[in-house]
Structure formats: structure tokens, C-alpha cells
Amino acid sequence: MVYEMRTYTLHPGKVAEFETLIEREALPHLTKYASLVGWWSTEIGPLNQVVHLWAYEDLGERERARQRQGEDATLAAFRPKAQALVVSQESKILVPSSFSPLQ
């Protein structure tokens, strides 16, 4: 199992709008391609950020899922709306340790 942690920094005050947009327009489509482990917004530290964690069997599955997301017409129409709220984004691939409960 591998996990992708994505962190989006949003324009100030746009977290609620971004999360509503994701929940209504993107999440039903994104979850066809990957398993959402969790979604958070920051309260302390860097503000105006959302962090989400996605699970994949391996990097090959992630690559195939990302390709299918890129070909999804609904997600293609959604992207410009979301991108207008995003300042920057970061993606990390996390591999669980042998003792991690998230195997």
C-alpha cells in the first residue's frame, strides 16, 4: 500500500468554498479512482490549507488512477473552478512502515 498526501494552499478565506466545491462536484468522481483516507483543513501553523490522503495498492495503481482522472470529462470541467482557489499544491508519496496500522 502507498499513500499520496496532497496539500493545497488556498487563497485566504477560501477553505470552506473549496471544500464545498470538492464535496459536491469532484468527490463522487475522484473516489471512482482512489480511496480517500482522510481530509483535513489547518487551524494552527500554515493557514488556508487543506490536506488529503489517498490510498493506492502501489505506484502503478496510482499512475493508472491519475491517468483515468485526467481523462474524466466531469473532472476536466471541475478543475478550472478549483484551480481558481488554489495558490499552490504539494504532493508526497508515503510508504507505511512495517508497524503502521495503515498497511
Protein backbone atom coordinates (compact mmCIF):
# COMPACT_ATOMS: atom_id res chain seq x y z
CA MET A 1 0.00 0.00 0.00
CA VAL A 2 1.15 3.55 -0.75
CA TYR A 3 -0.47 6.81 0.21
CA GLU A 4 -0.47 10.15 -1.52
CA MET A 5 -0.67 13.19 0.74
CA ARG A 6 -1.75 16.28 -1.16
CA THR A 7 -1.58 19.71 0.45
CA TYR A 8 -3.27 22.65 -1.22
CA THR A 9 -2.67 26.19 -0.06
CA LEU A 10 -5.71 28.27 -0.91
CA HIS A 11 -6.37 31.96 -1.24
CA PRO A 12 -7.17 33.41 2.20
CA GLY A 13 -10.70 32.69 3.32
CA LYS A 14 -11.41 30.13 0.57
CA VAL A 15 -11.19 26.83 2.50
CA ALA A 16 -14.95 26.46 3.02
CA GLU A 17 -15.71 27.32 -0.61
CA PHE A 18 -13.06 24.86 -1.84
CA GLU A 19 -14.31 22.05 0.40
CA THR A 20 -17.92 22.60 -0.69
CA LEU A 21 -16.84 22.53 -4.33
CA ILE A 22 -14.86 19.31 -3.81
CA GLU A 23 -17.67 17.60 -1.91
CA ARG A 24 -20.39 18.49 -4.42
CA GLU A 25 -18.60 18.29 -7.75
CA ALA A 26 -15.41 16.26 -7.51
CA LEU A 27 -15.52 13.73 -4.70
CA PRO A 28 -18.11 11.40 -6.30
CA HIS A 29 -15.81 11.18 -9.34
CA LEU A 30 -12.43 11.12 -7.57
CA THR A 31 -13.47 8.18 -5.40
CA LYS A 32 -14.06 6.10 -8.54
CA TYR A 33 -10.28 6.11 -8.99
CA ALA A 34 -8.80 6.16 -5.47
CA SER A 35 -9.75 5.61 -1.83
CA LEU A 36 -9.95 8.73 0.31
CA VAL A 37 -8.36 8.01 3.69
CA GLY A 38 -8.92 11.46 5.19
CA TRP A 39 -9.39 15.15 4.55
CA TRP A 40 -8.36 17.97 6.88
CA SER A 41 -8.05 21.73 6.96
CA THR A 42 -5.45 23.55 9.03
CA GLU A 43 -6.23 25.53 12.17
CA ILE A 44 -2.70 26.10 13.51
CA GLY A 45 0.53 26.56 11.56
CA PRO A 46 0.24 27.41 7.87
CA LEU A 47 -3.34 28.54 7.39
CA ASN A 48 -5.67 28.30 4.40
CA GLN A 49 -4.56 24.76 3.66
CA VAL A 50 -6.35 21.51 3.04
CA VAL A 51 -4.58 18.19 3.34
CA HIS A 52 -5.98 14.98 1.91
CA LEU A 53 -4.69 11.43 1.95
CA TRP A 54 -5.42 8.87 -0.78
CA ALA A 55 -4.65 5.13 -0.72
CA TYR A 56 -3.35 3.04 -3.63
CA GLU A 57 -2.22 -0.58 -3.82
CA ASP A 58 1.08 0.54 -5.36
CA LEU A 59 2.60 3.28 -7.52
CA GLY A 60 1.37 1.59 -10.68
CA GLU A 61 -2.23 1.80 -9.48
CA ARG A 62 -1.69 5.46 -8.60
CA GLU A 63 -0.34 6.18 -12.08
CA ARG A 64 -3.30 4.45 -13.74
CA ALA A 65 -5.79 6.22 -11.47
CA ARG A 66 -4.26 9.63 -12.14
CA GLN A 67 -4.41 8.94 -15.89
CA ARG A 68 -8.10 7.99 -15.69
CA GLN A 69 -8.83 11.10 -13.60
CA GLY A 70 -7.16 13.19 -16.30
CA GLU A 71 -9.44 11.65 -18.92
CA ASP A 72 -12.65 12.12 -16.90
CA ALA A 73 -14.72 14.85 -18.62
CA THR A 74 -16.55 15.83 -15.41
CA LEU A 75 -13.28 16.34 -13.55
CA ALA A 76 -11.86 18.27 -16.50
CA ALA A 77 -14.80 20.69 -16.28
CA PHE A 78 -14.37 20.95 -12.50
CA ARG A 79 -10.61 21.70 -12.47
CA PRO A 80 -10.70 25.39 -13.52
CA LYS A 81 -13.15 26.16 -10.69
CA ALA A 82 -10.88 24.54 -8.12
CA GLN A 83 -7.66 25.95 -9.60
CA ALA A 84 -9.03 29.48 -9.24
CA LEU A 85 -8.99 28.98 -5.45
CA VAL A 86 -5.53 27.36 -5.21
CA VAL A 87 -2.29 29.26 -4.61
CA SER A 88 -0.01 26.20 -4.57
CA GLN A 89 -0.06 22.46 -4.12
CA GLU A 90 2.31 19.79 -2.90
CA SER A 91 2.13 16.03 -3.29
CA LYS A 92 4.05 13.42 -1.31
CA ILE A 93 4.09 9.66 -1.66
CA LEU A 94 4.13 7.95 1.73
CA VAL A 95 5.05 4.30 2.26
CA PRO A 96 3.89 2.83 5.59
CA SER A 97 6.39 1.28 7.97
CA SER A 98 6.02 -2.40 8.82
CA PHE A 99 4.33 -1.50 12.13
CA SER A 100 1.96 1.14 10.72
CA PRO A 101 -1.75 0.43 11.22
CA LEU A 102 -2.25 1.69 7.64
CA GLN A 103 -0.83 -1.19 5.67
